[in-house]
PDB file of N, CA and C in Angstrom:
ATOM      1  N   MET A   1    -125.252-137.342 140.127  1.00  0.00           N
ATOM      2  CA  MET A   1    -124.338-138.192 140.047  1.00  0.00           C
ATOM      3  C   MET A   1    -124.474-139.462 139.108  1.00  0.00           C
ATOM      4  N   ASP A   2    -123.831-139.743 138.390  1.00  0.00           N
ATOM      5  CA  ASP A   2    -123.779-141.175 137.551  1.00  0.00           C
ATOM      6  C   ASP A   2    -122.341-142.090 138.074  1.00  0.00           C
ATOM      7  N   ASP A   3    -122.756-143.418 138.397  1.00  0.00           N
ATOM      8  CA  ASP A   3    -121.603-144.635 138.188  1.00  0.00           C
ATOM      9  C   ASP A   3    -120.878-144.519 137.065  1.00  0.00           C
ATOM     10  N   HIS A   4    -119.940-144.248 136.624  1.00  0.00           N
ATOM     11  CA  HIS A   4    -119.077-144.561 135.557  1.00  0.00           C
ATOM     12  C   HIS A   4    -118.068-146.107 135.397  1.00  0.00           C
ATOM     13  N   HIS A   5    -118.332-146.679 134.624  1.00  0.00           N
ATOM     14  CA  HIS A   5    -117.426-147.643 134.550  1.00  0.00           C
ATOM     15  C   HIS A   5    -116.132-147.376 133.570  1.00  0.00           C
ATOM     16  N   PRO A   6    -115.003-146.943 134.192  1.00  0.00           N
ATOM     17  CA  PRO A   6    -113.878-146.620 133.352  1.00  0.00           C
ATOM     18  C   PRO A   6    -113.406-147.765 132.014  1.00  0.00           C
ATOM     19  N   ALA A   7    -113.417-148.873 132.537  1.00  0.00           N
ATOM     20  CA  ALA A   7    -113.069-149.769 131.832  1.00  0.00           C
ATOM     21  C   ALA A   7    -113.840-150.587 130.683  1.00  0.00           C
ATOM     22  N   GLY A   8    -115.476-150.019 130.874  1.00  0.00           N
ATOM     23  CA  GLY A   8    -116.328-150.561 130.302  1.00  0.00           C
ATOM     24  C   GLY A   8    -116.875-151.642 131.098  1.00  0.00           C
ATOM     25  N   GLU A   9    -118.517-151.661 131.119  1.00  0.00           N
ATOM     26  CA  GLU A   9    -118.833-152.497 132.317  1.00  0.00           C
ATOM     27  C   GLU A   9    -118.713-154.130 131.907  1.00  0.00           C
ATOM     28  N   ALA A  10    -118.401-154.418 130.574  1.00  0.00           N
ATOM     29  CA  ALA A  10    -118.067-155.842 130.134  1.00  0.00           C
ATOM     30  C   ALA A  10    -116.471-156.283 130.791  1.00  0.00           C
ATOM     31  N   ASN A  11    -115.810-155.418 130.870  1.00  0.00           N
ATOM     32  CA  ASN A  11    -114.567-155.522 131.334  1.00  0.00           C
ATOM     33  C   ASN A  11    -114.178-155.196 132.752  1.00  0.00           C
ATOM     34  N   ASN A  12    -115.117-154.882 133.535  1.00  0.00           N
ATOM     35  CA  ASN A  12    -114.606-154.405 135.050  1.00  0.00           C
ATOM     36  C   ASN A  12    -116.045-153.711 135.486  1.00  0.00           C
ATOM     37  N   SER A  13    -116.134-154.488 136.781  1.00  0.00           N
ATOM     38  CA  SER A  13    -117.525-154.115 137.545  1.00  0.00           C
ATOM     39  C   SER A  13    -117.145-152.722 138.334  1.00  0.00           C
ATOM     40  N   ALA A  14    -115.684-152.371 138.211  1.00  0.00           N
ATOM     41  CA  ALA A  14    -115.541-150.969 139.385  1.00  0.00           C
ATOM     42  C   ALA A  14    -116.065-149.719 138.651  1.00  0.00           C
ATOM     43  N   THR A  15    -116.509-148.833 139.541  1.00  0.00           N
ATOM     44  CA  THR A  15    -117.083-147.798 138.938  1.00  0.00           C
ATOM     45  C   THR A  15    -116.517-146.221 139.710  1.00  0.00           C
ATOM     46  N   VAL A  16    -116.563-145.222 139.006  1.00  0.00           N
ATOM     47  CA  VAL A  16    -116.135-143.936 139.832  1.00  0.00           C
ATOM     48  C   VAL A  16    -117.412-143.144 139.789  1.00  0.00           C
ATOM     49  N   PRO A  17    -117.555-142.279 140.620  1.00  0.00           N
ATOM     50  CA  PRO A  17    -118.881-141.606 140.429  1.00  0.00           C
ATOM     51  C   PRO A  17    -118.319-140.103 139.837  1.00  0.00           C
ATOM     52  N   VAL A  18    -119.102-139.909 138.693  1.00  0.00           N
ATOM     53  CA  VAL A  18    -119.208-138.465 137.916  1.00  0.00           C
ATOM     54  C   VAL A  18    -120.306-137.693 137.962  1.00  0.00           C
ATOM     55  N   PRO A  19    -120.220-136.338 137.735  1.00  0.00           N
ATOM     56  CA  PRO A  19    -121.485-135.652 137.200  1.00  0.00           C
ATOM     57  C   PRO A  19    -122.056-136.547 136.056  1.00  0.00           C
ATOM     58  N   ALA A  20    -123.355-136.499 136.190  1.00  0.00           N
ATOM     59  CA  ALA A  20    -124.216-137.106 135.344  1.00  0.00           C
ATOM     60  C   ALA A  20    -123.752-136.474 133.777  1.00  0.00           C
ATOM     61  N   ASN A  21    -124.001-135.052 133.509  1.00  0.00           N
ATOM     62  CA  ASN A  21    -123.661-134.485 132.456  1.00  0.00           C
ATOM     63  C   ASN A  21    -122.194-134.784 131.978  1.00  0.00           C
ATOM     64  N   ASP A  22    -121.205-134.852 132.636  1.00  0.00           N
ATOM     65  CA  ASP A  22    -119.803-135.080 132.364  1.00  0.00           C
ATOM     66  C   ASP A  22    -119.900-136.711 131.991  1.00  0.00           C
ATOM     67  N   HIS A  23    -120.626-137.595 132.293  1.00  0.00           N
ATOM     68  CA  HIS A  23    -120.732-139.042 132.063  1.00  0.00           C
ATOM     69  C   HIS A  23    -121.318-139.234 130.758  1.00  0.00           C
ATOM     70  N   ARG A  24    -122.469-138.433 130.424  1.00  0.00           N
ATOM     71  CA  ARG A  24    -122.906-138.547 129.105  1.00  0.00           C
ATOM     72  C   ARG A  24    -122.297-137.928 128.010  1.00  0.00           C
ATOM     73  N   ALA A  25    -121.753-136.861 128.461  1.00  0.00           N
ATOM     74  CA  ALA A  25    -121.061-135.745 127.454  1.00  0.00           C
ATOM     75  C   ALA A  25    -119.398-136.060 127.246  1.00  0.00           C
ATOM     76  N   PHE A  26    -119.247-136.633 127.966  1.00  0.00           N
ATOM     77  CA  PHE A  26    -117.338-137.141 127.560  1.00  0.00           C
ATOM     78  C   PHE A  26    -117.081-138.513 127.793  1.00  0.00           C
ATOM     79  N   LEU A  27    -117.254-138.982 128.944  1.00  0.00           N
ATOM     80  CA  LEU A  27    -116.817-140.434 129.324  1.00  0.00           C
ATOM     81  C   LEU A  27    -117.151-141.315 128.377  1.00  0.00           C
ATOM     82  N   SER A  28    -118.964-141.439 128.226  1.00  0.00           N
ATOM     83  CA  SER A  28    -119.534-142.500 127.216  1.00  0.00           C
ATOM     84  C   SER A  28    -119.208-142.156 126.009  1.00  0.00           C
ATOM     85  N   VAL A  29    -119.084-140.871 125.539  1.00  0.00           N
ATOM     86  CA  VAL A  29    -118.811-140.732 124.212  1.00  0.00           C
ATOM     87  C   VAL A  29    -117.582-141.278 123.799  1.00  0.00           C
ATOM     88  N   ALA A  30    -116.425-140.771 124.647  1.00  0.00           N
ATOM     89  CA  ALA A  30    -115.070-141.217 124.580  1.00  0.00           C
ATOM     90  C   ALA A  30    -115.173-142.911 124.191  1.00  0.00           C
ATOM     91  N   GLN A  31    -115.835-143.619 124.999  1.00  0.00           N
ATOM     92  CA  GLN A  31    -115.910-145.390 125.065  1.00  0.00           C
ATOM     93  C   GLN A  31    -116.616-145.504 123.682  1.00  0.00           C
ATOM     94  N   TYR A  32    -117.521-144.703 123.026  1.00  0.00           N
ATOM     95  CA  TYR A  32    -118.167-144.875 121.961  1.00  0.00           C
ATOM     96  C   TYR A  32    -117.020-144.955 120.795  1.00  0.00           C
ATOM     97  N   ASP A  33    -115.964-144.566 120.991  1.00  0.00           N
ATOM     98  CA  ASP A  33    -114.805-144.405 120.014  1.00  0.00           C
ATOM     99  C   ASP A  33    -113.994-145.577 119.961  1.00  0.00           C
ATOM    100  N   TRP A  34    -114.222-146.433 121.039  1.00  0.00           N
ATOM    101  CA  TRP A  34    -113.282-147.704 121.418  1.00  0.00           C
ATOM    102  C   TRP A  34    -113.561-148.744 120.078  1.00  0.00           C
ATOM    103  N   PRO A  35    -112.677-149.468 119.856  1.00  0.00           N
ATOM    104  CA  PRO A  35    -113.175-150.747 119.115  1.00  0.00           C
ATOM    105  C   PRO A  35    -114.231-151.293 119.887  1.00  0.00           C
ATOM    106  N   LYS A  36    -115.280-151.712 119.214  1.00  0.00           N
ATOM    107  CA  LYS A  36    -116.606-152.738 119.375  1.00  0.00           C
ATOM    108  C   LYS A  36    -116.248-153.627 120.349  1.00  0.00           C
ATOM    109  N   ALA A  37    -115.101-154.507 119.955  1.00  0.00           N
ATOM    110  CA  ALA A  37    -114.897-155.741 120.540  1.00  0.00           C
ATOM    111  C   ALA A  37    -114.354-155.457 121.807  1.00  0.00           C
ATOM    112  N   THR A  38    -113.436-154.654 122.150  1.00  0.00           N
ATOM    113  CA  THR A  38    -112.891-153.926 123.372  1.00  0.00           C
ATOM    114  C   THR A  38    -114.067-153.412 124.467  1.00  0.00           C
ATOM    115  N   LEU A  39    -115.202-152.799 123.901  1.00  0.00           N
ATOM    116  CA  LEU A  39    -116.221-152.260 124.620  1.00  0.00           C
ATOM    117  C   LEU A  39    -117.033-153.299 125.459  1.00  0.00           C
ATOM    118  N   GLU A  40    -117.266-154.225 124.349  1.00  0.00           N
ATOM    119  CA  GLU A  40    -118.545-155.114 124.415  1.00  0.00           C
ATOM    120  C   GLU A  40    -118.020-156.621 124.917  1.00  0.00           C
ATOM    121  N   ASN A  41    -116.701-156.821 124.675  1.00  0.00           N
ATOM    122  CA  ASN A  41    -116.087-158.235 124.982  1.00  0.00           C
ATOM    123  C   ASN A  41    -116.719-159.134 125.285  1.00  0.00           C
ATOM    124  N   PRO A  42    -117.589-159.665 124.253  1.00  0.00           N
ATOM    125  CA  PRO A  42    -118.768-160.610 124.389  1.00  0.00           C
ATOM    126  C   PRO A  42    -117.992-162.085 124.976  1.00  0.00           C
ATOM    127  N   GLU A  43    -116.783-162.354 124.724  1.00  0.00           N
ATOM    128  CA  GLU A  43    -116.218-163.586 125.131  1.00  0.00           C
ATOM    129  C   GLU A  43    -115.382-163.472 126.320  1.00  0.00           C
ATOM    130  N   ASP A  44    -115.724-162.269 126.948  1.00  0.00           N
ATOM    131  CA  ASP A  44    -114.985-161.776 128.441  1.00  0.00           C
ATOM    132  C   ASP A  44    -113.120-162.384 128.051  1.00  0.00           C
ATOM    133  N   CYS A  45    -112.899-161.861 127.063  1.00  0.00           N
ATOM    134  CA  CYS A  45    -111.356-161.932 126.733  1.00  0.00           C
ATOM    135  C   CYS A  45    -110.429-161.113 127.648  1.00  0.00           C
ATOM    136  N   PRO A  46    -109.423-161.764 128.269  1.00  0.00           N
ATOM    137  CA  PRO A  46    -108.725-160.898 129.365  1.00  0.00           C
ATOM    138  C   PRO A  46    -107.706-159.808 128.519  1.00  0.00           C
ATOM    139  N   LEU A  47    -107.310-160.169 127.450  1.00  0.00           N
ATOM    140  CA  LEU A  47    -106.628-159.359 126.801  1.00  0.00           C
ATOM    141  C   LEU A  47    -107.896-158.027 126.464  1.00  0.00           C
ATOM    142  N   LEU A  48    -108.565-158.180 125.806  1.00  0.00           N
ATOM    143  CA  LEU A  48    -109.564-157.050 125.468  1.00  0.00           C
ATOM    144  C   LEU A  48    -110.245-156.089 126.941  1.00  0.00           C
ATOM    145  N   ALA A  49    -110.192-157.023 127.905  1.00  0.00           N
ATOM    146  CA  ALA A  49    -110.254-156.677 129.309  1.00  0.00           C
ATOM    147  C   ALA A  49    -109.199-155.462 130.006  1.00  0.00           C
ATOM    148  N   ALA A  50    -107.898-156.283 129.555  1.00  0.00           N
ATOM    149  CA  ALA A  50    -106.875-155.391 129.674  1.00  0.00           C
ATOM    150  C   ALA A  50    -106.871-154.052 129.094  1.00  0.00           C
ATOM    151  N   ALA A  51    -107.053-154.031 127.659  1.00  0.00           N
ATOM    152  CA  ALA A  51    -106.929-153.119 127.147  1.00  0.00           C
ATOM    153  C   ALA A  51    -108.271-151.988 127.444  1.00  0.00           C
ATOM    154  N   GLY A  52    -109.480-152.385 127.810  1.00  0.00           N
ATOM    155  CA  GLY A  52    -110.269-151.622 128.140  1.00  0.00           C
ATOM    156  C   GLY A  52    -109.821-150.746 129.581  1.00  0.00           C
ATOM    157  N   CYS A  53    -109.244-151.494 130.249  1.00  0.00           N
ATOM    158  CA  CYS A  53    -108.473-150.751 131.420  1.00  0.00           C
ATOM    159  C   CYS A  53    -107.679-149.624 131.230  1.00  0.00           C
ATOM    160  N   ILE A  54    -106.927-150.140 130.269  1.00  0.00           N
ATOM    161  CA  ILE A  54    -106.051-149.056 129.844  1.00  0.00           C
ATOM    162  C   ILE A  54    -106.425-147.826 129.064  1.00  0.00           C
ATOM    163  N   ARG A  55    -107.648-147.933 128.365  1.00  0.00           N
ATOM    164  CA  ARG A  55    -108.195-147.078 127.671  1.00  0.00           C
ATOM    165  C   ARG A  55    -109.382-146.247 128.354  1.00  0.00           C
ATOM    166  N   GLY A  56    -109.787-146.843 129.630  1.00  0.00           N
ATOM    167  CA  GLY A  56    -110.350-146.163 130.599  1.00  0.00           C
ATOM    168  C   GLY A  56    -109.601-145.320 131.345  1.00  0.00           C
ATOM    169  N   VAL A  57    -108.367-145.702 131.867  1.00  0.00           N
ATOM    170  CA  VAL A  57    -107.926-144.632 132.519  1.00  0.00           C
ATOM    171  C   VAL A  57    -107.290-143.521 131.864  1.00  0.00           C
ATOM    172  N   ILE A  58    -106.925-143.890 130.211  1.00  0.00           N
ATOM    173  CA  ILE A  58    -106.589-142.493 129.369  1.00  0.00           C
ATOM    174  C   ILE A  58    -107.703-141.670 129.262  1.00  0.00           C
ATOM    175  N   ASP A  59    -108.837-142.112 129.015  1.00  0.00           N
ATOM    176  CA  ASP A  59    -110.107-141.335 129.173  1.00  0.00           C
ATOM    177  C   ASP A  59    -110.187-140.570 129.924  1.00  0.00           C
ATOM    178  N   TYR A  60    -110.012-141.186 131.539  1.00  0.00           N
ATOM    179  CA  TYR A  60    -110.372-140.595 132.593  1.00  0.00           C
ATOM    180  C   TYR A  60    -109.383-139.533 132.885  1.00  0.00           C
ATOM    181  N   LEU A  61    -108.219-140.144 132.732  1.00  0.00           N
ATOM    182  CA  LEU A  61    -107.241-138.917 132.519  1.00  0.00           C
ATOM    183  C   LEU A  61    -107.266-137.587 131.713  1.00  0.00           C
ATOM    184  N   HIS A  62    -107.811-137.867 130.681  1.00  0.00           N
ATOM    185  CA  HIS A  62    -108.317-136.458 129.704  1.00  0.00           C
ATOM    186  C   HIS A  62    -109.223-136.041 130.330  1.00  0.00           C
ATOM    187  N   TYR A  63    -110.098-136.284 131.048  1.00  0.00           N
ATOM    188  CA  TYR A  63    -111.222-135.955 131.392  1.00  0.00           C
ATOM    189  C   TYR A  63    -111.024-135.076 132.657  1.00  0.00           C
ATOM    190  N   LEU A  64    -110.029-135.645 133.678  1.00  0.00           N
ATOM    191  CA  LEU A  64    -109.398-135.026 134.632  1.00  0.00           C
ATOM    192  C   LEU A  64    -108.623-133.684 134.152  1.00  0.00           C
ATOM    193  N   ILE A  65    -107.928-134.068 133.180  1.00  0.00           N
ATOM    194  CA  ILE A  65    -106.930-132.859 132.664  1.00  0.00           C
ATOM    195  C   ILE A  65    -107.468-131.796 132.403  1.00  0.00           C
ATOM    196  N   ASP A  66    -108.856-132.044 131.715  1.00  0.00           N
ATOM    197  CA  ASP A  66    -109.785-130.904 130.970  1.00  0.00           C
ATOM    198  C   ASP A  66    -110.522-130.214 132.148  1.00  0.00           C
ATOM    199  N   LYS A  67    -111.067-130.978 133.043  1.00  0.00           N
ATOM    200  CA  LYS A  67    -112.012-130.383 134.001  1.00  0.00           C
ATOM    201  C   LYS A  67    -110.980-129.659 135.444  1.00  0.00           C
ATOM    202  N   PHE A  68    -109.896-130.079 135.368  1.00  0.00           N
ATOM    203  CA  PHE A  68    -109.194-129.430 136.565  1.00  0.00           C
ATOM    204  C   PHE A  68    -107.826-128.990 136.469  1.00  0.00           C
ATOM    205  N   LEU A  69    -107.375-129.019 135.200  1.00  0.00           N
ATOM    206  CA  LEU A  69    -105.710-128.738 135.325  1.00  0.00           C
ATOM    207  C   LEU A  69    -105.664-127.783 133.765  1.00  0.00           C
ATOM    208  N   ASP A  70    -106.410-127.670 132.719  1.00  0.00           N
ATOM    209  CA  ASP A  70    -106.305-126.954 131.533  1.00  0.00           C
ATOM    210  C   ASP A  70    -106.456-125.515 131.780  1.00  0.00           C
ATOM    211  N   TRP A  71    -106.766-124.996 132.812  1.00  0.00           N
ATOM    212  CA  TRP A  71    -107.177-123.464 132.852  1.00  0.00           C
ATOM    213  C   TRP A  71    -105.809-123.002 133.582  1.00  0.00           C
ATOM    214  N   ILE A  72    -105.048-123.632 134.133  1.00  0.00           N
ATOM    215  CA  ILE A  72    -104.080-123.301 135.267  1.00  0.00           C
ATOM    216  C   ILE A  72    -102.974-122.900 134.494  1.00  0.00           C
ATOM    217  N   PRO A  73    -102.334-123.216 133.114  1.00  0.00           N
ATOM    218  CA  PRO A  73    -101.357-122.893 132.352  1.00  0.00           C
ATOM    219  C   PRO A  73    -101.666-121.351 131.811  1.00  0.00           C
ATOM    220  N   LYS A  74    -102.861-121.507 131.427  1.00  0.00           N
ATOM    221  CA  LYS A  74    -103.381-120.015 130.923  1.00  0.00           C
ATOM    222  C   LYS A  74    -103.260-119.253 132.239  1.00  0.00           C
ATOM    223  N   MET A  75    -104.057-119.308 133.286  1.00  0.00           N
ATOM    224  CA  MET A  75    -103.560-118.310 134.194  1.00  0.00           C
ATOM    225  C   MET A  75    -102.305-117.981 134.555  1.00  0.00           C
ATOM    226  N   LEU A  76    -101.476-118.726 134.698  1.00  0.00           N
ATOM    227  CA  LEU A  76    -100.265-118.536 135.277  1.00  0.00           C
ATOM    228  C   LEU A  76     -99.592-117.721 134.146  1.00  0.00           C
ATOM    229  N   GLU A  77     -99.663-118.201 132.773  1.00  0.00           N
ATOM    230  CA  GLU A  77     -99.204-117.232 131.650  1.00  0.00           C
ATOM    231  C   GLU A  77     -99.820-115.929 131.883  1.00  0.00           C
ATOM    232  N   MET A  78    -100.862-115.428 131.989  1.00  0.00           N
ATOM    233  CA  MET A  78    -101.586-114.216 132.209  1.00  0.00           C
ATOM    234  C   MET A  78    -100.995-113.581 133.271  1.00  0.00           C
ATOM    235  N   LEU A  79    -100.898-114.273 134.564  1.00  0.00           N
ATOM    236  CA  LEU A  79    -100.226-113.380 135.669  1.00  0.00           C
ATOM    237  C   LEU A  79     -98.620-113.192 135.465  1.00  0.00           C
ATOM    238  N   SER A  80     -98.007-114.236 134.642  1.00  0.00           N
ATOM    239  CA  SER A  80     -96.574-113.869 134.256  1.00  0.00           C
ATOM    240  C   SER A  80     -96.638-112.485 133.517  1.00  0.00           C
ATOM    241  N   ALA A  81     -97.294-112.409 132.588  1.00  0.00           N
ATOM    242  CA  ALA A  81     -97.239-111.055 131.697  1.00  0.00           C
ATOM    243  C   ALA A  81     -97.898-109.923 132.543  1.00  0.00           C
ATOM    244  N   TRP A  82     -98.879-109.997 133.605  1.00  0.00           N
ATOM    245  CA  TRP A  82     -99.000-109.139 134.244  1.00  0.00           C
ATOM    246  C   TRP A  82     -98.045-108.596 135.046  1.00  0.00           C
ATOM    247  N   LEU A  83     -97.221-109.516 136.098  1.00  0.00           N
ATOM    248  CA  LEU A  83     -96.260-109.034 136.796  1.00  0.00           C
ATOM    249  C   LEU A  83     -94.915-108.643 135.944  1.00  0.00           C
ATOM    250  N   ARG A  84     -94.924-108.785 135.100  1.00  0.00           N
ATOM    251  CA  ARG A  84     -93.676-108.535 134.130  1.00  0.00           C
ATOM    252  C   ARG A  84     -94.098-107.052 133.791  1.00  0.00           C
ATOM    253  N   ASP A  85     -95.228-106.733 133.520  1.00  0.00           N
ATOM    254  CA  ASP A  85     -95.521-105.137 133.264  1.00  0.00           C
ATOM    255  C   ASP A  85     -96.055-104.488 134.391  1.00  0.00           C
ATOM    256  N   GLN A  86     -95.921-104.995 135.685  1.00  0.00           N
ATOM    257  CA  GLN A  86     -96.080-104.178 136.884  1.00  0.00           C
ATOM    258  C   GLN A  86     -94.614-103.978 137.146  1.00  0.00           C
ATOM    259  N   TRP A  87     -93.899-105.299 137.352  1.00  0.00           N
ATOM    260  CA  TRP A  87     -92.636-105.200 138.263  1.00  0.00           C
ATOM    261  C   TRP A  87     -91.484-105.186 137.484  1.00  0.00           C
ATOM    262  N   GLY A  88     -91.430-105.524 135.695  1.00  0.00           N
ATOM    263  CA  GLY A  88     -90.297-105.768 135.173  1.00  0.00           C
ATOM    264  C   GLY A  88     -89.989-107.229 134.691  1.00  0.00           C
ATOM    265  N   PRO A  89     -88.700-107.410 133.799  1.00  0.00           N
ATOM    266  CA  PRO A  89     -88.705-108.583 133.283  1.00  0.00           C
ATOM    267  C   PRO A  89     -88.404-109.765 134.296  1.00  0.00           C
ATOM    268  N   GLU A  90     -87.610-109.387 135.452  1.00  0.00           N
ATOM    269  CA  GLU A  90     -87.170-110.387 136.344  1.00  0.00           C
ATOM    270  C   GLU A  90     -87.825-110.129 137.653  1.00  0.00           C
ATOM    271  N   TRP A  91     -89.294-110.012 137.722  1.00  0.00           N
ATOM    272  CA  TRP A  91     -89.794-109.490 139.084  1.00  0.00           C
ATOM    273  C   TRP A  91     -89.876-110.447 140.285  1.00  0.00           C
ATOM    274  N   TRP A  92     -89.512-111.700 139.823  1.00  0.00           N
ATOM    275  CA  TRP A  92     -89.362-112.906 140.963  1.00  0.00           C
ATOM    276  C   TRP A  92     -88.066-112.813 141.475  1.00  0.00           C
ATOM    277  N   ALA A  93     -87.067-112.130 141.075  1.00  0.00           N
ATOM    278  CA  ALA A  93     -85.432-111.957 141.519  1.00  0.00           C
ATOM    279  C   ALA A  93     -85.527-112.195 143.157  1.00  0.00           C
ATOM    280  N   SER A  94     -86.304-111.017 143.614  1.00  0.00           N
ATOM    281  CA  SER A  94     -86.086-110.998 145.100  1.00  0.00           C
ATOM    282  C   SER A  94     -87.178-111.195 145.881  1.00  0.00           C
ATOM    283  N   THR A  95     -87.695-112.452 145.682  1.00  0.00           N
ATOM    284  CA  THR A  95     -88.980-112.787 146.220  1.00  0.00           C
ATOM    285  C   THR A  95     -89.034-114.386 146.350  1.00  0.00           C
ATOM    286  N   PRO A  96     -89.739-115.271 147.032  1.00  0.00           N
ATOM    287  CA  PRO A  96     -89.703-116.763 147.158  1.00  0.00           C
ATOM    288  C   PRO A  96     -89.755-117.634 146.337  1.00  0.00           C
ATOM    289  N   VAL A  97     -90.360-116.676 145.220  1.00  0.00           N
ATOM    290  CA  VAL A  97     -90.700-117.415 143.958  1.00  0.00           C
ATOM    291  C   VAL A  97     -89.245-117.851 142.894  1.00  0.00           C
ATOM    292  N   ALA A  98     -88.206-117.039 143.402  1.00  0.00           N
ATOM    293  CA  ALA A  98     -87.055-117.136 142.710  1.00  0.00           C
ATOM    294  C   ALA A  98     -86.536-118.428 142.937  1.00  0.00           C
ATOM    295  N   GLN A  99     -86.805-119.286 143.851  1.00  0.00           N
ATOM    296  CA  GLN A  99     -86.683-120.952 144.024  1.00  0.00           C
ATOM    297  C   GLN A  99     -86.931-121.589 143.044  1.00  0.00           C
ATOM    298  N   PHE A 100     -87.749-121.404 142.093  1.00  0.00           N
ATOM    299  CA  PHE A 100     -88.479-121.999 141.348  1.00  0.00           C
ATOM    300  C   PHE A 100     -88.026-121.404 139.946  1.00  0.00           C
ATOM    301  N   ALA A 101     -87.104-120.402 139.768  1.00  0.00           N
ATOM    302  CA  ALA A 101     -86.775-119.972 138.499  1.00  0.00           C
ATOM    303  C   ALA A 101     -85.716-121.113 137.907  1.00  0.00           C
ATOM    304  N   PRO A 102     -85.997-121.666 136.334  1.00  0.00           N
ATOM    305  CA  PRO A 102     -85.054-122.276 136.066  1.00  0.00           C
ATOM    306  C   PRO A 102     -83.596-122.052 135.863  1.00  0.00           C
ATOM    307  N   LYS A 103     -82.755-122.889 136.340  1.00  0.00           N
ATOM    308  CA  LYS A 103     -81.405-122.663 136.441  1.00  0.00           C
ATOM    309  C   LYS A 103     -80.558-122.991 134.971  1.00  0.00           C
ATOM    310  N   GLY A 104     -79.828-121.884 134.727  1.00  0.00           N
ATOM    311  CA  GLY A 104     -79.287-121.926 133.442  1.00  0.00           C
ATOM    312  C   GLY A 104     -79.151-120.911 132.416  1.00  0.00           C
TER     313      GLY A 104
END
């Protein structure tokens, strides 16, 4: 595990633990795309520090979406197709899942 500075170390000392490979391959690489002034913030500008915080949260959310959420819609779509093939186009109608069907 590595300690990642989401806002950039020059902007905020807070860290979050992330797997070392993900830190190097995803999160640090994302920061390299930031404007140099924001990442390095040599004069400790509070506006650049705020920009670093926002950029860091955006990068971290992208990382979390990629690692933890991206597979779920694909799985649900595959399961929907399989259930449709097995039980028909409205397979959910007489199940507890019916409460989640769009109304309209």
